[in-house]
Amino acid sequence: MAKKTKKEENPKVNPELDGFKMNINSFGEISSSFSIDKINDFLNKNVDDKKLKDREDLQDIKKDKKK
């Protein structure tokens, strides 16, 4: 029987994260093609924090940013 080879496909991602790659080396260290600051900025813009969604003061801040 022939051994099947895995074909690497790039996952579908948001255009802002195009080219994003993460690797874990043999020591368990995570390396990324983007800086942590860039990833955090993307997450802050696009993902709501479940723990903070009920706070009234944060809703006021979000409204000010959208203006």
C-alpha atoms as a PDB file:
ATOM      1  CA  MET A   1       0.000   0.000   0.000  1.00  0.00           C
ATOM      2  CA  ALA A   2       1.151   3.454  -0.813  1.00  0.00           C
ATOM      3  CA  LYS A   3       1.598   5.832   2.045  1.00  0.00           C
ATOM      4  CA  LYS A   4      -0.640   8.877   1.801  1.00  0.00           C
ATOM      5  CA  THR A   5       1.086  12.201   2.156  1.00  0.00           C
ATOM      6  CA  LYS A   6      -0.542  15.078   3.947  1.00  0.00           C
ATOM      7  CA  LYS A   7      -1.188  18.045   1.733  1.00  0.00           C
ATOM      8  CA  GLU A   8      -0.721  21.295   3.628  1.00  0.00           C
ATOM      9  CA  GLU A   9      -3.495  23.750   2.961  1.00  0.00           C
ATOM     10  CA  ASN A  10      -3.607  27.261   4.270  1.00  0.00           C
ATOM     11  CA  PRO A  11      -6.677  27.828   6.437  1.00  0.00           C
ATOM     12  CA  LYS A  12      -9.198  30.508   5.561  1.00  0.00           C
ATOM     13  CA  VAL A  13      -8.500  33.522   7.753  1.00  0.00           C
ATOM     14  CA  ASN A  14      -9.493  37.128   8.117  1.00  0.00           C
ATOM     15  CA  PRO A  15      -7.610  39.266   5.560  1.00  0.00           C
ATOM     16  CA  GLU A  16      -5.943  41.178   8.412  1.00  0.00           C
ATOM     17  CA  LEU A  17      -4.294  37.913   9.535  1.00  0.00           C
ATOM     18  CA  ASP A  18      -3.138  36.760   6.121  1.00  0.00           C
ATOM     19  CA  GLY A  19       0.264  35.089   6.486  1.00  0.00           C
ATOM     20  CA  PHE A  20      -0.187  34.272  10.167  1.00  0.00           C
ATOM     21  CA  LYS A  21       1.659  31.100  11.188  1.00  0.00           C
ATOM     22  CA  MET A  22       2.214  29.524  14.614  1.00  0.00           C
ATOM     23  CA  ASN A  23       4.690  26.797  15.460  1.00  0.00           C
ATOM     24  CA  ILE A  24       5.535  24.880  18.615  1.00  0.00           C
ATOM     25  CA  ASN A  25       9.115  23.655  18.885  1.00  0.00           C
ATOM     26  CA  SER A  26      10.342  20.536  20.684  1.00  0.00           C
ATOM     27  CA  PHE A  27      10.717  22.484  23.955  1.00  0.00           C
ATOM     28  CA  GLY A  28       7.078  23.609  23.883  1.00  0.00           C
ATOM     29  CA  GLU A  29       7.901  27.197  22.965  1.00  0.00           C
ATOM     30  CA  ILE A  30       5.376  28.912  20.730  1.00  0.00           C
ATOM     31  CA  SER A  31       6.668  31.035  17.875  1.00  0.00           C
ATOM     32  CA  SER A  32       4.529  33.175  15.632  1.00  0.00           C
ATOM     33  CA  SER A  33       4.925  35.125  12.413  1.00  0.00           C
ATOM     34  CA  PHE A  34       3.087  38.118  13.979  1.00  0.00           C
ATOM     35  CA  SER A  35       3.963  40.043  17.104  1.00  0.00           C
ATOM     36  CA  ILE A  36       1.816  39.565  20.186  1.00  0.00           C
ATOM     37  CA  ASP A  37       0.838  43.247  20.057  1.00  0.00           C
ATOM     38  CA  LYS A  38      -0.568  42.883  16.540  1.00  0.00           C
ATOM     39  CA  ILE A  39      -2.542  39.772  17.543  1.00  0.00           C
ATOM     40  CA  ASN A  40      -3.896  41.499  20.674  1.00  0.00           C
ATOM     41  CA  ASP A  41      -4.963  44.560  18.657  1.00  0.00           C
ATOM     42  CA  PHE A  42      -6.838  42.319  16.226  1.00  0.00           C
ATOM     43  CA  LEU A  43      -8.561  40.435  19.061  1.00  0.00           C
ATOM     44  CA  ASN A  44      -9.501  43.640  20.882  1.00  0.00           C
ATOM     45  CA  LYS A  45     -11.174  44.987  17.735  1.00  0.00           C
ATOM     46  CA  ASN A  46     -12.970  41.805  16.686  1.00  0.00           C
ATOM     47  CA  VAL A  47     -13.764  39.745  19.806  1.00  0.00           C
ATOM     48  CA  ASP A  48     -15.950  40.730  22.752  1.00  0.00           C
ATOM     49  CA  ASP A  49     -14.672  39.718  26.172  1.00  0.00           C
ATOM     50  CA  LYS A  50     -17.383  37.616  27.852  1.00  0.00           C
ATOM     51  CA  LYS A  51     -16.227  38.537  31.346  1.00  0.00           C
ATOM     52  CA  LEU A  52     -16.474  42.262  30.669  1.00  0.00           C
ATOM     53  CA  LYS A  53     -19.641  42.433  28.554  1.00  0.00           C
ATOM     54  CA  ASP A  54     -21.924  43.426  31.461  1.00  0.00           C
ATOM     55  CA  ARG A  55     -19.821  46.338  32.677  1.00  0.00           C
ATOM     56  CA  GLU A  56     -21.436  49.697  31.990  1.00  0.00           C
ATOM     57  CA  ASP A  57     -18.218  51.732  31.976  1.00  0.00           C
ATOM     58  CA  LEU A  58     -16.735  49.684  29.114  1.00  0.00           C
ATOM     59  CA  GLN A  59     -19.778  50.229  26.921  1.00  0.00           C
ATOM     60  CA  ASP A  60     -19.236  53.992  27.209  1.00  0.00           C
ATOM     61  CA  ILE A  61     -15.603  53.602  26.153  1.00  0.00           C
ATOM     62  CA  LYS A  62     -16.558  51.514  23.088  1.00  0.00           C
ATOM     63  CA  LYS A  63     -19.067  54.161  22.003  1.00  0.00           C
ATOM     64  CA  ASP A  64     -16.388  56.853  22.205  1.00  0.00           C
ATOM     65  CA  LYS A  65     -13.971  54.807  20.065  1.00  0.00           C
ATOM     66  CA  LYS A  66     -16.528  54.283  17.289  1.00  0.00           C
ATOM     67  CA  LYS A  67     -17.025  58.047  16.863  1.00  0.00           C
END
